Amino acid sequence: MVRHSLPTHQVPALSFLLHLSSCIMDASISVQSIIGGFVESAGISNILFGITITQFYVYTQNWKRDPRWLKWLATGIMFLEVLYTVFSQRAQYYYSVLSVENPVLILRSDW
């Protein structure tokens, strides 16, 4: 057991992070098991994003009679979906590719 100089019993989040870092360094827990769920959920998210793009395309082909505010709302939501997917892919690349050789980077937020 590694002894730390900080009183971790007073800071629960610090205690959790120290425990998590010791688990990551443990040989029985692999990096793949930690980020595997994130990669799988990002894949499902990409499939749903493709469905959203298809729905938006079909809507834009038939929106001639809709009010202007509804067109802007649909376009704004699609923009936010694209932005979310870009950030999600960036996070997936960071944690899946860049952090593989240094598992401690998983504990650090990239943002």
Protein backbone atom coordinates (compact mmCIF):
# COMPACT_ATOMS: atom_id res chain seq x y z
CA MET A 1 0.00 0.00 0.00
CA VAL A 2 1.36 3.37 -0.99
CA ARG A 3 1.18 6.02 1.71
CA HIS A 4 0.34 9.54 0.62
CA SER A 5 1.19 12.69 2.52
CA LEU A 6 -2.23 14.25 1.90
CA PRO A 7 -5.10 13.51 4.28
CA THR A 8 -7.30 11.66 1.79
CA HIS A 9 -9.99 10.91 4.37
CA GLN A 10 -10.90 14.62 4.29
CA VAL A 11 -11.12 14.83 0.50
CA PRO A 12 -13.24 11.97 -0.90
CA ALA A 13 -12.58 12.89 -4.54
CA LEU A 14 -8.83 12.83 -3.95
CA SER A 15 -9.11 9.47 -2.25
CA PHE A 16 -11.07 8.12 -5.20
CA LEU A 17 -8.54 9.43 -7.73
CA LEU A 18 -5.63 7.95 -5.81
CA HIS A 19 -7.42 4.61 -5.65
CA LEU A 20 -8.22 4.82 -9.37
CA SER A 21 -4.62 5.63 -10.25
CA SER A 22 -3.41 2.64 -8.24
CA CYS A 23 -5.94 0.43 -10.03
CA ILE A 24 -4.77 1.68 -13.42
CA MET A 25 -1.21 0.85 -12.56
CA ASP A 26 -2.28 -2.61 -11.39
CA ALA A 27 -1.47 -5.24 -14.02
CA SER A 28 -4.82 -6.99 -13.54
CA ILE A 29 -6.76 -4.00 -14.89
CA SER A 30 -5.98 -3.11 -18.48
CA VAL A 31 -6.47 0.18 -20.25
CA GLN A 32 -8.75 -1.62 -22.70
CA SER A 33 -11.17 -2.51 -19.93
CA ILE A 34 -11.31 1.10 -18.79
CA ILE A 35 -11.95 2.78 -22.14
CA GLY A 36 -13.70 -0.11 -23.88
CA GLY A 37 -17.16 1.07 -22.88
CA PHE A 38 -16.38 4.58 -24.04
CA VAL A 39 -15.30 3.36 -27.48
CA GLU A 40 -18.37 1.14 -27.82
CA SER A 41 -20.76 3.91 -26.81
CA ALA A 42 -19.05 6.30 -29.23
CA GLY A 43 -19.64 3.77 -32.01
CA ILE A 44 -23.33 3.56 -31.16
CA SER A 45 -23.44 7.35 -31.02
CA ASN A 46 -21.97 7.52 -34.53
CA ILE A 47 -24.66 5.18 -35.84
CA LEU A 48 -27.35 7.37 -34.28
CA PHE A 49 -25.65 10.45 -35.74
CA GLY A 50 -25.94 8.89 -39.20
CA ILE A 51 -29.65 8.33 -38.62
CA THR A 52 -30.00 11.96 -37.50
CA ILE A 53 -28.27 13.22 -40.64
CA THR A 54 -30.60 11.12 -42.78
CA GLN A 55 -33.66 12.49 -40.97
CA PHE A 56 -32.41 16.05 -41.36
CA TYR A 57 -31.79 15.53 -45.09
CA VAL A 58 -35.29 14.13 -45.61
CA TYR A 59 -36.74 17.02 -43.62
CA THR A 60 -34.88 19.64 -45.69
CA GLN A 61 -36.33 18.11 -48.85
CA ASN A 62 -39.88 18.57 -47.53
CA TRP A 63 -39.76 21.75 -45.40
CA LYS A 64 -41.19 24.18 -47.95
CA ARG A 65 -44.46 24.75 -46.04
CA ASP A 66 -42.97 24.84 -42.52
CA PRO A 67 -42.57 28.15 -40.67
CA ARG A 68 -39.19 29.83 -40.69
CA TRP A 69 -38.64 29.37 -36.93
CA LEU A 70 -39.05 25.61 -37.29
CA LYS A 71 -36.46 25.51 -40.08
CA TRP A 72 -34.02 27.47 -37.92
CA LEU A 73 -34.72 25.22 -34.94
CA ALA A 74 -34.02 22.07 -36.97
CA THR A 75 -30.84 23.59 -38.40
CA GLY A 76 -29.65 24.70 -34.96
CA ILE A 77 -30.25 21.26 -33.47
CA MET A 78 -28.37 19.67 -36.36
CA PHE A 79 -25.47 22.08 -35.80
CA LEU A 80 -25.35 21.11 -32.12
CA GLU A 81 -25.41 17.42 -33.06
CA VAL A 82 -22.45 17.93 -35.41
CA LEU A 83 -20.58 19.84 -32.70
CA TYR A 84 -21.28 17.09 -30.14
CA THR A 85 -20.05 14.41 -32.54
CA VAL A 86 -16.84 16.32 -33.28
CA PHE A 87 -16.06 16.70 -29.57
CA SER A 88 -16.98 13.08 -28.91
CA GLN A 89 -14.64 11.87 -31.65
CA ARG A 90 -11.87 14.11 -30.35
CA ALA A 91 -12.26 12.67 -26.85
CA GLN A 92 -12.35 9.13 -28.22
CA TYR A 93 -9.13 9.72 -30.15
CA TYR A 94 -7.43 11.24 -27.11
CA TYR A 95 -8.35 8.45 -24.72
CA SER A 96 -8.09 5.56 -27.20
CA VAL A 97 -4.98 6.46 -29.16
CA LEU A 98 -2.94 9.09 -27.37
CA SER A 99 -3.37 7.71 -23.84
CA VAL A 100 -2.55 4.08 -24.59
CA GLU A 101 1.14 4.35 -23.77
CA ASN A 102 0.57 6.52 -20.68
CA PRO A 103 -2.48 5.34 -18.68
CA VAL A 104 -2.11 8.18 -16.17
CA LEU A 105 -3.42 10.53 -18.89
CA ILE A 106 -6.80 8.86 -18.47
CA LEU A 107 -7.07 10.53 -15.07
CA ARG A 108 -6.39 13.99 -16.50
CA SER A 109 -9.16 15.89 -18.25
CA ASP A 110 -8.26 17.00 -21.75
CA TRP A 111 -10.50 20.07 -21.70
